[in-house]
Amino acid sequence: MRVFKHADFISCEDKNRIFKYLVEKNGEIIFTGDHLPDVCANVELVDLKNRCVIPAFADTHMHFASFAFFNSSLDCRDVGDFAQLDEKIHKYIALGKKEKVILGFGCSAHTVKEKRLPERRDLDKITKQPLMIVKYDGHASVGNSAMIKSLPASILADPGFDKETGWFYLNAFYKAINNISQSVSLPALFRNMIAGSDYLAGKGISLVHTSEGVGFPLDLDVDMVRFANRGLPQKFHVYFQTMNVKKVLRRKMPCIGGCFATALDGCFGSEDAALKEPYSHNPKSVGTLFYSQQQVNDFVKAANRRGLQIAMHAIGDAAIGQALIAFELALIDFPREDHRHIIIHADLMNPAMIEKAAKLGICIALQTPFLYWQQEPMEYLQKILGDRIKNLIPLKSMLASGLVIASGSDAPCTLPDPIASIYAACNHPNPQESVSVLDALRMHTSAGAKLSFDENRRGTLAEGTLADFVVLDQNPLKIPAEKLNTIKVEALYLKGEKYTGQEHRGSAGLFFDSLKNAYPS
């Protein structure tokens, strides 16, 4: 038993409480309040030195296997021009990693002075080693000539491959990434996962909703993350990105969906997010719906009948409308009171859509970091969306309707950082859609737990929940909203134990040893 004291404890419950003491026993919270009971008179005391404590964070949408891979490889997000890209790649090569392919992430036309994406000819000037860089939104990539030459003819024949520029889109992109991922050893992938897990812990994250099922052959990422969940410190809920209900049922998984195979449209960066009205700068384009309404209806109906929780990517208002029609028909066909089906992103929701989603009990897994995304700046979104920008991620309107909304990172698209995400929620570019600090905290704690049916064990500082909490250097309820991004995560406690990294945790060492035995190099 431990008593944690000298902190502002913020419970993040529906009826929020702030108290002075938290008592943990066997990994659970057994008491919270301002006056200690007599039973705690002679137990271990942990002095938190006047810090602030909140429940550990949840990230309600990421692609963990991909994030973990890119977190340990070549991140190109911060380059300011192609010369810096050249320098970064050569520094990476100089590390001497024994990789058959150099795979990077994060190129954007908005962050380089050339104001365009690199093409095959640009990458050919940098290296003769096979090189591919994935676009910042995770939906396309570009390769140099050596990379392209190494790929099977069937990928290069796909209409999504642009021979002239070296860019891979749609199915050509997915096929190319699947092919490249085969060159990475399983022990290396698991090492990446451990490093990625430590990164998340450093940001105070203990609960992760991850969409898997693309980028690895035979859906290997799905099984890897499910297996890794036994030893990594966070709890992972895996959403299988497929419309094949039987594949999910065979694995006895409770949820289906995510992006890619269950994406109803594209994204703003590629201007294929599906809109009801044309893009403001291109009156000939309304984006792309990847499936017919009937296809989406059939998928949602089948998954709903089997009791699965369904999550679907929908960014544009046309795609969101398609998702809502399918959910409504499926719930008429097979009513379920507590399904907690999810729309991921839901970037452009008008009032009618918000009202309908609330009526159907749909949850929203959105990403407030998109509101301050350097790789896709607001000026660009204003150009392509025009006045519709006022409806971009309408947080306050969603909450006012009664929708359960929770935030995440969509990593590797943005780096997981709940503090930055909370800042964005409270400083929305449209001030009318900013939310209170307490609501923003709940979006990253208790609401995240609700999306995965974890609210009885996680997401709040309440008796009977796990003693998973974050120590902050400032109380977010006591500083101006514009200063929220100055808050630092000082520590993460999991089941009452301070997290110090997996190299210091015996269970993780045994876990990694078992992986090496199961998957020798």
Protein backbone atom coordinates (compact mmCIF):
# COMPACT_ATOMS: atom_id res chain seq x y z
CA MET A 1 0.00 0.00 0.00
CA ARG A 2 1.21 3.50 -0.83
CA VAL A 3 -0.10 6.95 -0.03
CA PHE A 4 0.54 9.63 -2.66
CA LYS A 5 0.37 13.14 -1.24
CA HIS A 6 1.24 16.80 -1.85
CA ALA A 7 -0.39 17.13 -5.27
CA ASP A 8 -3.54 18.46 -6.89
CA PHE A 9 -5.31 15.25 -7.94
CA ILE A 10 -7.85 15.84 -10.76
CA SER A 11 -10.19 12.87 -11.11
CA CYS A 12 -11.59 13.59 -14.63
CA GLU A 13 -14.84 11.86 -13.65
CA ASP A 14 -18.17 13.08 -15.01
CA LYS A 15 -18.49 14.95 -11.73
CA ASN A 16 -14.90 16.00 -11.42
CA ARG A 17 -13.23 16.04 -8.01
CA ILE A 18 -9.97 17.61 -6.88
CA PHE A 19 -8.40 16.09 -3.76
CA LYS A 20 -5.16 15.86 -1.77
CA TYR A 21 -4.49 12.16 -1.20
CA LEU A 22 -4.55 9.00 -3.33
CA VAL A 23 -4.00 5.56 -1.82
CA GLU A 24 -2.92 2.59 -3.96
CA LYS A 25 -2.91 -1.09 -3.05
CA ASN A 26 -2.01 -3.99 -5.36
CA GLY A 27 -2.07 -1.67 -8.36
CA GLU A 28 -5.54 -0.26 -7.70
CA ILE A 29 -6.80 2.99 -6.24
CA ILE A 30 -8.50 2.20 -2.94
CA PHE A 31 -9.00 5.71 -1.54
CA THR A 32 -9.14 9.31 -2.73
CA GLY A 33 -9.89 12.34 -0.58
CA ASP A 34 -8.66 15.23 1.50
CA HIS A 35 -8.28 13.35 4.80
CA LEU A 36 -6.49 10.02 5.17
CA PRO A 37 -8.31 7.16 6.92
CA ASP A 38 -6.69 5.68 10.03
CA VAL A 39 -5.69 2.52 8.18
CA CYS A 40 -3.13 4.58 6.23
CA ALA A 41 -1.35 5.93 9.31
CA ASN A 42 1.79 3.80 8.98
CA VAL A 43 2.13 3.08 5.25
CA GLU A 44 4.68 4.18 2.67
CA LEU A 45 4.33 7.85 1.70
CA VAL A 46 5.17 9.19 -1.76
CA ASP A 47 5.66 12.96 -1.74
CA LEU A 48 4.76 14.41 -5.17
CA LYS A 49 6.11 17.83 -4.20
CA ASN A 50 3.12 20.01 -5.05
CA ARG A 51 2.71 18.74 -8.58
CA CYS A 52 -0.54 17.95 -10.41
CA VAL A 53 -1.82 14.42 -11.01
CA ILE A 54 -4.34 13.34 -13.66
CA PRO A 55 -5.31 9.93 -15.05
CA ALA A 56 -2.84 8.46 -17.54
CA PHE A 57 -3.57 9.51 -21.11
CA ALA A 58 -5.27 7.53 -23.85
CA ASP A 59 -4.46 7.82 -27.57
CA THR A 60 -7.63 6.77 -29.36
CA HIS A 61 -6.26 6.38 -32.86
CA MET A 62 -2.81 5.49 -34.08
CA HIS A 63 -1.04 2.87 -36.18
CA PHE A 64 1.36 1.58 -33.53
CA ALA A 65 3.38 -0.87 -35.64
CA SER A 66 4.01 1.82 -38.25
CA PHE A 67 4.71 4.49 -35.63
CA ALA A 68 7.17 2.20 -33.84
CA PHE A 69 8.95 1.46 -37.11
CA PHE A 70 9.30 5.09 -38.18
CA ASN A 71 10.13 6.21 -34.65
CA SER A 72 13.28 4.08 -34.91
CA SER A 73 14.12 4.96 -38.50
CA LEU A 74 14.27 8.06 -40.69
CA ASP A 75 11.97 10.95 -39.73
CA CYS A 76 11.94 13.66 -42.41
CA ARG A 77 9.28 15.91 -40.91
CA ASP A 78 11.62 18.69 -39.85
CA VAL A 79 13.59 19.25 -43.06
CA GLY A 80 13.32 22.75 -44.50
CA ASP A 81 14.44 22.00 -48.05
CA PHE A 82 15.76 19.19 -50.25
CA ALA A 83 19.35 19.98 -49.25
CA GLN A 84 18.47 19.26 -45.62
CA LEU A 85 16.71 16.11 -46.75
CA ASP A 86 19.92 15.04 -48.50
CA GLU A 87 21.95 15.77 -45.37
CA LYS A 88 19.55 13.90 -43.09
CA ILE A 89 19.50 10.81 -45.28
CA HIS A 90 23.29 10.68 -45.51
CA LYS A 91 23.60 11.02 -41.73
CA TYR A 92 21.17 8.13 -41.39
CA ILE A 93 23.16 6.02 -43.85
CA ALA A 94 26.35 6.81 -41.90
CA LEU A 95 24.86 5.13 -38.83
CA GLY A 96 25.68 1.87 -40.60
CA LYS A 97 22.37 0.14 -40.04
CA LYS A 98 22.21 -3.09 -41.99
CA GLU A 99 19.04 -2.37 -43.90
CA LYS A 100 18.19 -3.51 -47.39
CA VAL A 101 15.92 -0.52 -47.87
CA ILE A 102 15.96 2.99 -46.41
CA LEU A 103 12.41 3.88 -45.43
CA GLY A 104 11.63 7.40 -44.24
CA PHE A 105 8.53 9.28 -43.20
CA GLY A 106 7.07 12.75 -43.24
CA CYS A 107 7.74 14.60 -46.51
CA SER A 108 5.40 17.55 -47.06
CA ALA A 109 5.22 20.26 -49.69
CA HIS A 110 4.19 22.73 -46.98
CA THR A 111 7.40 22.58 -44.93
CA VAL A 112 10.11 22.86 -47.61
CA LYS A 113 11.12 26.00 -49.48
CA GLU A 114 10.68 24.18 -52.81
CA LYS A 115 6.93 24.04 -52.03
CA ARG A 116 6.58 20.68 -53.72
CA LEU A 117 7.00 17.03 -52.84
CA PRO A 118 10.27 15.28 -53.78
CA GLU A 119 10.14 13.05 -56.82
CA ARG A 120 12.17 10.10 -58.10
CA ARG A 121 14.75 12.39 -59.75
CA ASP A 122 15.31 14.26 -56.46
CA LEU A 123 15.88 11.05 -54.50
CA ASP A 124 18.19 9.67 -57.21
CA LYS A 125 20.52 12.61 -56.56
CA ILE A 126 20.72 11.69 -52.88
CA THR A 127 21.55 7.97 -52.93
CA LYS A 128 21.79 4.91 -55.12
CA GLN A 129 20.59 2.72 -52.24
CA PRO A 130 16.91 1.74 -52.38
CA LEU A 131 15.06 4.65 -50.74
CA MET A 132 11.38 5.31 -50.14
CA ILE A 133 9.81 8.18 -48.20
CA VAL A 134 6.20 8.02 -47.02
CA LYS A 135 4.13 11.21 -47.26
CA TYR A 136 3.25 12.92 -43.97
CA ASP A 137 -0.39 11.76 -44.10
CA GLY A 138 0.60 8.10 -44.46
CA HIS A 139 -1.39 7.56 -47.65
CA ALA A 140 1.30 7.75 -50.37
CA SER A 141 5.06 7.41 -50.86
CA VAL A 142 7.86 8.17 -53.32
CA GLY A 143 10.79 5.97 -54.28
CA ASN A 144 14.10 6.45 -56.02
CA SER A 145 15.05 4.42 -59.10
CA ALA A 146 16.86 1.75 -57.08
CA MET A 147 13.80 1.28 -54.87
CA ILE A 148 11.45 1.12 -57.83
CA LYS A 149 13.68 -1.36 -59.64
CA SER A 150 13.59 -3.70 -56.64
CA LEU A 151 9.79 -3.96 -56.59
CA PRO A 152 7.82 -6.68 -58.39
CA ALA A 153 6.35 -5.89 -61.80
CA SER A 154 2.83 -6.39 -60.45
CA ILE A 155 3.24 -3.37 -58.14
CA LEU A 156 4.70 -1.21 -60.88
CA ALA A 157 1.80 -2.16 -63.16
CA ASP A 158 -0.74 -0.95 -60.63
CA PRO A 159 -2.52 2.24 -61.81
CA GLY A 160 -1.66 3.87 -58.49
CA PHE A 161 2.04 4.03 -59.44
CA ASP A 162 3.25 7.12 -61.31
CA LYS A 163 6.28 6.02 -63.30
CA GLU A 164 7.35 9.56 -64.13
CA THR A 165 7.40 10.95 -60.58
CA GLY A 166 8.07 7.73 -58.67
CA TRP A 167 5.01 8.24 -56.48
CA PHE A 168 2.86 5.37 -55.18
CA TYR A 169 -0.81 5.98 -54.39
CA LEU A 170 -3.78 3.88 -53.22
CA ASN A 171 -3.25 0.13 -53.74
CA ALA A 172 0.18 0.64 -55.29
CA PHE A 173 1.27 2.32 -52.05
CA TYR A 174 -0.10 -0.44 -49.81
CA LYS A 175 1.47 -3.16 -51.99
CA ALA A 176 4.85 -1.42 -52.02
CA ILE A 177 4.91 -0.95 -48.24
CA ASN A 178 3.89 -4.59 -47.72
CA ASN A 179 6.76 -5.66 -49.95
CA ILE A 180 9.33 -3.48 -48.20
CA SER A 181 8.27 -4.54 -44.71
CA GLN A 182 9.29 -8.13 -45.50
CA SER A 183 12.93 -7.03 -45.39
CA VAL A 184 12.71 -6.11 -41.69
CA SER A 185 13.45 -8.91 -39.22
CA LEU A 186 10.92 -9.74 -36.54
CA PRO A 187 13.35 -9.11 -33.66
CA ALA A 188 14.02 -5.66 -35.13
CA LEU A 189 10.28 -4.98 -35.34
CA PHE A 190 9.79 -5.95 -31.72
CA ARG A 191 12.73 -3.79 -30.64
CA ASN A 192 11.06 -0.93 -32.47
CA MET A 193 7.85 -1.64 -30.58
CA ILE A 194 9.63 -1.52 -27.24
CA ALA A 195 11.25 1.81 -28.18
CA GLY A 196 7.89 3.11 -29.41
CA SER A 197 6.23 2.01 -26.19
CA ASP A 198 8.85 3.89 -24.16
CA TYR A 199 8.18 6.99 -26.27
CA LEU A 200 4.47 6.77 -25.47
CA ALA A 201 5.22 6.31 -21.78
CA GLY A 202 7.35 9.45 -21.84
CA LYS A 203 4.26 11.33 -23.00
CA GLY A 204 2.13 9.84 -20.22
CA ILE A 205 0.17 7.42 -22.42
CA SER A 206 -1.05 4.13 -20.93
CA LEU A 207 -4.00 3.22 -23.19
CA VAL A 208 -3.69 2.90 -26.97
CA HIS A 209 -6.27 2.21 -29.66
CA THR A 210 -4.27 1.03 -32.63
CA SER A 211 -5.43 0.28 -36.17
CA GLU A 212 -3.40 -2.51 -37.75
CA GLY A 213 -3.61 -4.62 -40.88
CA VAL A 214 -1.59 -2.75 -43.51
CA GLY A 215 2.11 -2.42 -44.21
CA PHE A 216 2.96 -6.01 -43.30
CA PRO A 217 2.30 -9.23 -45.26
CA LEU A 218 -0.28 -11.73 -43.97
CA ASP A 219 -1.58 -9.13 -41.49
CA LEU A 220 1.54 -9.74 -39.41
CA ASP A 221 1.24 -6.38 -37.67
CA VAL A 222 -2.14 -7.38 -36.22
CA ASP A 223 -0.71 -10.49 -34.61
CA MET A 224 2.54 -8.79 -33.57
CA VAL A 225 0.79 -6.03 -31.65
CA ARG A 226 -1.62 -8.49 -30.04
CA PHE A 227 1.34 -10.62 -28.95
CA ALA A 228 3.36 -7.59 -27.82
CA ASN A 229 0.38 -6.47 -25.73
CA ARG A 230 1.25 -9.26 -23.31
CA GLY A 231 4.54 -7.60 -22.36
CA LEU A 232 4.44 -3.91 -23.20
CA PRO A 233 3.39 -1.60 -20.36
CA GLN A 234 0.47 0.05 -22.17
CA LYS A 235 -2.85 -1.62 -22.85
CA PHE A 236 -3.46 -1.90 -26.60
CA HIS A 237 -6.86 -2.27 -28.21
CA VAL A 238 -6.27 -3.54 -31.75
CA TYR A 239 -8.67 -2.59 -34.53
CA PHE A 240 -8.22 -4.88 -37.55
CA GLN A 241 -8.33 -2.75 -40.72
CA THR A 242 -10.40 -5.10 -42.85
CA MET A 243 -13.95 -5.53 -44.10
CA ASN A 244 -13.54 -9.30 -43.83
CA VAL A 245 -15.58 -10.02 -40.71
CA LYS A 246 -14.55 -13.69 -40.69
CA LYS A 247 -10.85 -12.77 -40.31
CA VAL A 248 -11.67 -10.82 -37.15
CA LEU A 249 -13.95 -13.49 -35.71
CA ARG A 250 -11.30 -16.19 -36.27
CA ARG A 251 -8.95 -14.20 -34.06
CA LYS A 252 -11.74 -13.68 -31.49
CA MET A 253 -11.22 -9.92 -31.65
CA PRO A 254 -14.04 -7.64 -30.41
CA CYS A 255 -13.56 -4.77 -32.86
CA ILE A 256 -13.02 -4.17 -36.56
CA GLY A 257 -12.00 -1.20 -38.65
CA GLY A 258 -9.68 1.77 -38.63
CA CYS A 259 -8.29 3.26 -41.82
CA PHE A 260 -7.07 1.96 -45.17
CA ALA A 261 -9.34 -1.03 -45.96
CA THR A 262 -12.07 0.57 -43.85
CA ALA A 263 -11.39 4.13 -44.99
CA LEU A 264 -14.43 5.55 -46.74
CA ASP A 265 -12.44 8.39 -48.30
CA GLY A 266 -8.93 9.79 -48.54
CA CYS A 267 -7.45 12.86 -46.88
CA PHE A 268 -7.13 16.60 -47.36
CA GLY A 269 -3.42 16.36 -48.14
CA SER A 270 -4.10 14.33 -51.29
CA GLU A 271 -7.38 16.21 -51.91
CA ASP A 272 -9.34 12.96 -52.04
CA ALA A 273 -11.33 13.43 -48.85
CA ALA A 274 -14.92 13.08 -50.09
CA LEU A 275 -16.94 16.31 -50.02
CA LYS A 276 -20.60 17.07 -50.69
CA GLU A 277 -19.59 20.22 -52.57
CA PRO A 278 -16.47 20.69 -54.74
CA TYR A 279 -13.11 21.77 -53.37
CA SER A 280 -12.93 25.56 -53.27
CA HIS A 281 -9.85 25.77 -55.49
CA ASN A 282 -10.94 22.98 -57.85
CA PRO A 283 -14.64 23.04 -58.81
CA LYS A 284 -14.21 19.82 -60.81
CA SER A 285 -13.30 17.72 -57.76
CA VAL A 286 -15.35 16.47 -54.81
CA GLY A 287 -12.75 13.94 -53.70
CA THR A 288 -13.26 10.19 -53.70
CA LEU A 289 -15.60 7.76 -51.98
CA PHE A 290 -13.71 4.47 -52.00
CA TYR A 291 -16.84 2.30 -51.69
CA SER A 292 -20.43 2.42 -52.83
CA GLN A 293 -23.09 3.05 -50.20
CA GLN A 294 -24.26 -0.55 -50.63
CA GLN A 295 -20.78 -1.94 -49.95
CA VAL A 296 -20.49 0.09 -46.75
CA ASN A 297 -24.01 -0.87 -45.68
CA ASP A 298 -23.29 -4.59 -46.20
CA PHE A 299 -20.04 -4.43 -44.22
CA VAL A 300 -21.50 -2.52 -41.27
CA LYS A 301 -24.61 -4.68 -41.17
CA ALA A 302 -22.56 -7.91 -41.12
CA ALA A 303 -20.13 -6.66 -38.44
CA ASN A 304 -22.90 -5.21 -36.28
CA ARG A 305 -24.87 -8.47 -36.41
CA ARG A 306 -21.82 -10.33 -35.07
CA GLY A 307 -21.55 -7.96 -32.09
CA LEU A 308 -18.35 -6.26 -33.24
CA GLN A 309 -17.47 -2.68 -32.45
CA ILE A 310 -16.94 -0.93 -35.80
CA ALA A 311 -14.59 1.97 -36.53
CA MET A 312 -14.39 3.65 -39.94
CA HIS A 313 -12.21 6.44 -41.32
CA ALA A 314 -14.26 9.33 -42.70
CA ILE A 315 -12.78 12.80 -43.15
CA GLY A 316 -14.98 14.67 -45.61
CA ASP A 317 -18.67 15.38 -45.06
CA ALA A 318 -19.71 13.03 -47.89
CA ALA A 319 -17.82 10.15 -46.27
CA ILE A 320 -19.21 10.98 -42.83
CA GLY A 321 -22.69 10.98 -44.32
CA GLN A 322 -22.03 7.58 -45.88
CA ALA A 323 -20.90 6.18 -42.52
CA LEU A 324 -23.97 7.55 -40.70
CA ILE A 325 -26.35 6.02 -43.25
CA ALA A 326 -24.67 2.63 -42.87
CA PHE A 327 -24.70 2.77 -39.06
CA GLU A 328 -28.35 3.80 -38.99
CA LEU A 329 -29.43 0.96 -41.31
CA ALA A 330 -27.36 -1.60 -39.40
CA LEU A 331 -28.86 -0.58 -36.06
CA ILE A 332 -32.38 -0.75 -37.49
CA ASP A 333 -31.55 -4.22 -38.80
CA PHE A 334 -30.01 -5.37 -35.49
CA PRO A 335 -30.52 -2.92 -32.60
CA ARG A 336 -27.76 -2.66 -30.00
CA GLU A 337 -27.96 -0.27 -27.08
CA ASP A 338 -24.25 0.00 -26.25
CA HIS A 339 -22.38 -0.65 -29.49
CA ARG A 340 -20.00 2.35 -29.25
CA HIS A 341 -19.34 2.31 -32.99
CA ILE A 342 -16.76 4.90 -34.01
CA ILE A 343 -16.15 7.38 -36.79
CA ILE A 344 -12.43 8.12 -36.98
CA HIS A 345 -11.41 11.70 -37.84
CA ALA A 346 -14.87 13.16 -38.64
CA ASP A 347 -13.14 16.38 -39.68
CA LEU A 348 -16.07 18.05 -41.45
CA MET A 349 -19.27 17.57 -39.47
CA ASN A 350 -22.15 19.97 -39.93
CA PRO A 351 -24.87 20.42 -37.24
CA ALA A 352 -27.24 17.90 -38.86
CA MET A 353 -24.52 15.23 -38.92
CA ILE A 354 -23.58 15.92 -35.32
CA GLU A 355 -27.21 15.57 -34.25
CA LYS A 356 -27.63 12.32 -36.17
CA ALA A 357 -24.40 10.82 -34.80
CA ALA A 358 -25.48 11.65 -31.26
CA LYS A 359 -28.92 10.11 -31.82
CA LEU A 360 -27.29 6.89 -33.07
CA GLY A 361 -24.84 6.74 -30.16
CA ILE A 362 -21.80 7.01 -32.43
CA CYS A 363 -18.48 7.85 -30.79
CA ILE A 364 -15.88 10.07 -32.45
CA ALA A 365 -12.12 9.38 -32.41
CA LEU A 366 -10.75 12.69 -33.64
CA GLN A 367 -7.30 14.28 -33.73
CA THR A 368 -6.97 17.81 -32.38
CA PRO A 369 -3.26 17.95 -33.41
CA PHE A 370 -4.56 18.37 -36.97
CA LEU A 371 -5.63 21.89 -35.96
CA TYR A 372 -1.97 22.89 -35.63
CA TRP A 373 -0.30 20.54 -38.10
CA GLN A 374 2.82 22.02 -39.64
CA GLN A 375 2.79 19.47 -42.46
CA GLU A 376 -0.80 20.44 -43.36
CA PRO A 377 -1.23 24.07 -42.26
CA MET A 378 -4.51 25.90 -41.79
CA GLU A 379 -3.72 28.22 -44.69
CA TYR A 380 -3.74 25.23 -47.03
CA LEU A 381 -7.01 23.92 -45.61
CA GLN A 382 -8.56 27.38 -45.97
CA LYS A 383 -7.55 27.38 -49.63
CA ILE A 384 -9.11 24.01 -50.44
CA LEU A 385 -12.17 24.20 -48.16
CA GLY A 386 -13.09 27.88 -48.09
CA ASP A 387 -15.85 28.76 -45.61
CA ARG A 388 -16.20 25.10 -44.61
CA ILE A 389 -13.11 25.60 -42.48
CA LYS A 390 -15.38 26.85 -39.67
CA ASN A 391 -16.77 23.29 -39.39
CA LEU A 392 -13.34 21.69 -39.11
CA ILE A 393 -13.27 19.42 -36.04
CA PRO A 394 -16.14 21.25 -34.28
CA LEU A 395 -15.30 20.17 -30.73
CA LYS A 396 -17.64 22.35 -28.70
CA SER A 397 -20.60 21.62 -30.97
CA MET A 398 -19.93 17.88 -30.68
CA LEU A 399 -19.75 17.98 -26.89
CA ALA A 400 -22.89 20.12 -26.67
CA SER A 401 -24.80 17.45 -28.60
CA GLY A 402 -23.82 14.74 -26.11
CA LEU A 403 -21.39 12.96 -28.42
CA VAL A 404 -18.59 11.01 -26.77
CA ILE A 405 -15.45 12.42 -28.38
CA ALA A 406 -11.88 11.41 -27.64
CA SER A 407 -8.62 12.56 -29.15
CA GLY A 408 -5.55 10.81 -30.49
CA SER A 409 -2.55 11.36 -32.72
CA ASP A 410 -3.05 9.25 -35.86
CA ALA A 411 0.64 8.43 -35.38
CA PRO A 412 2.86 8.28 -37.28
CA CYS A 413 1.08 11.18 -39.03
CA THR A 414 1.53 13.36 -35.95
CA LEU A 415 3.77 12.44 -33.04
CA PRO A 416 1.85 11.30 -29.95
CA ASP A 417 1.75 14.24 -27.54
CA PRO A 418 -1.39 14.60 -25.39
CA ILE A 419 -0.26 17.92 -23.92
CA ALA A 420 -0.04 19.46 -27.42
CA SER A 421 -3.38 17.88 -28.25
CA ILE A 422 -5.02 19.37 -25.13
CA TYR A 423 -3.58 22.78 -26.04
CA ALA A 424 -5.11 22.52 -29.54
CA ALA A 425 -8.53 21.58 -28.14
CA CYS A 426 -8.56 24.62 -25.86
CA ASN A 427 -7.16 27.00 -28.50
CA HIS A 428 -9.18 26.00 -31.56
CA PRO A 429 -8.50 28.20 -34.62
CA ASN A 430 -12.25 28.82 -34.57
CA PRO A 431 -12.63 30.20 -31.01
CA GLN A 432 -16.31 29.24 -30.96
CA GLU A 433 -15.27 25.56 -31.08
CA SER A 434 -12.67 25.69 -28.29
CA VAL A 435 -13.48 23.58 -25.23
CA SER A 436 -12.76 23.99 -21.53
CA VAL A 437 -9.56 22.63 -20.07
CA LEU A 438 -11.46 20.04 -18.06
CA ASP A 439 -13.32 18.84 -21.17
CA ALA A 440 -10.00 18.63 -23.02
CA LEU A 441 -8.52 16.56 -20.18
CA ARG A 442 -11.48 14.19 -20.33
CA MET A 443 -11.09 13.85 -24.12
CA HIS A 444 -7.62 12.43 -23.44
CA THR A 445 -8.47 10.30 -20.39
CA SER A 446 -11.99 9.19 -19.43
CA ALA A 447 -13.50 9.55 -22.92
CA GLY A 448 -10.70 7.47 -24.40
CA ALA A 449 -11.42 4.73 -21.89
CA LYS A 450 -15.13 4.83 -22.78
CA LEU A 451 -14.39 4.26 -26.47
CA SER A 452 -12.84 0.89 -25.59
CA PHE A 453 -15.26 -0.09 -22.78
CA ASP A 454 -12.52 0.49 -20.20
CA GLU A 455 -14.21 3.14 -18.08
CA ASN A 456 -14.57 0.89 -15.02
CA ARG A 457 -10.81 0.32 -14.85
CA ARG A 458 -9.14 3.26 -16.58
CA GLY A 459 -9.47 6.91 -17.43
CA THR A 460 -10.34 8.39 -14.03
CA LEU A 461 -8.82 8.67 -10.56
CA ALA A 462 -11.62 6.82 -8.82
CA GLU A 463 -11.65 4.04 -6.27
CA GLY A 464 -11.54 0.64 -7.97
CA THR A 465 -9.68 1.84 -11.06
CA LEU A 466 -6.05 1.05 -11.85
CA ALA A 467 -3.50 3.38 -10.30
CA ASP A 468 -2.35 4.61 -13.71
CA PHE A 469 -1.65 8.33 -13.55
CA VAL A 470 0.53 11.13 -14.87
CA VAL A 471 2.44 13.68 -12.81
CA LEU A 472 2.50 17.15 -14.41
CA ASP A 473 4.70 20.09 -13.42
CA GLN A 474 1.72 22.49 -13.57
CA ASN A 475 -1.99 22.27 -12.88
CA PRO A 476 -3.74 22.76 -16.24
CA LEU A 477 -6.84 24.10 -14.47
CA LYS A 478 -4.81 26.95 -12.93
CA ILE A 479 -3.01 28.39 -15.97
CA PRO A 480 -4.30 30.29 -19.04
CA ALA A 481 -5.33 28.11 -21.97
CA GLU A 482 -2.66 29.69 -24.16
CA LYS A 483 0.00 28.41 -21.72
CA LEU A 484 -1.12 24.76 -21.72
CA ASN A 485 1.63 23.77 -24.16
CA THR A 486 4.24 24.70 -21.52
CA ILE A 487 3.17 21.82 -19.26
CA LYS A 488 5.68 19.00 -18.87
CA VAL A 489 5.02 15.35 -18.10
CA GLU A 490 7.31 14.55 -15.18
CA ALA A 491 6.37 10.93 -14.52
CA LEU A 492 4.02 8.11 -15.44
CA TYR A 493 2.82 5.67 -12.79
CA LEU A 494 1.39 2.33 -13.88
CA LYS A 495 -0.43 0.30 -11.23
CA GLY A 496 1.17 2.55 -8.64
CA GLU A 497 4.75 1.98 -9.85
CA LYS A 498 6.80 4.78 -11.36
CA TYR A 499 7.67 3.92 -14.95
CA THR A 500 11.43 4.06 -15.61
CA GLY A 501 11.79 2.36 -19.00
CA GLN A 502 11.64 -1.23 -20.09
CA GLU A 503 15.31 -2.01 -19.75
CA HIS A 504 14.76 -1.68 -16.00
CA ARG A 505 11.63 -3.85 -15.94
CA GLY A 506 12.18 -7.54 -15.39
CA SER A 507 8.94 -8.52 -17.09
CA ALA A 508 9.91 -6.65 -20.25
CA GLY A 509 13.32 -8.32 -20.25
CA LEU A 510 11.72 -11.74 -20.01
CA PHE A 511 9.23 -10.70 -22.68
CA PHE A 512 11.96 -9.68 -25.11
CA ASP A 513 13.92 -12.87 -24.39
CA SER A 514 10.83 -14.88 -25.30
CA LEU A 515 10.54 -12.93 -28.55
CA LYS A 516 14.15 -13.66 -29.45
CA ASN A 517 13.57 -17.34 -28.79
CA ALA A 518 10.33 -17.39 -30.76
CA TYR A 519 11.70 -15.32 -33.65
CA PRO A 520 15.48 -15.85 -33.93
CA SER A 521 17.38 -13.55 -36.31
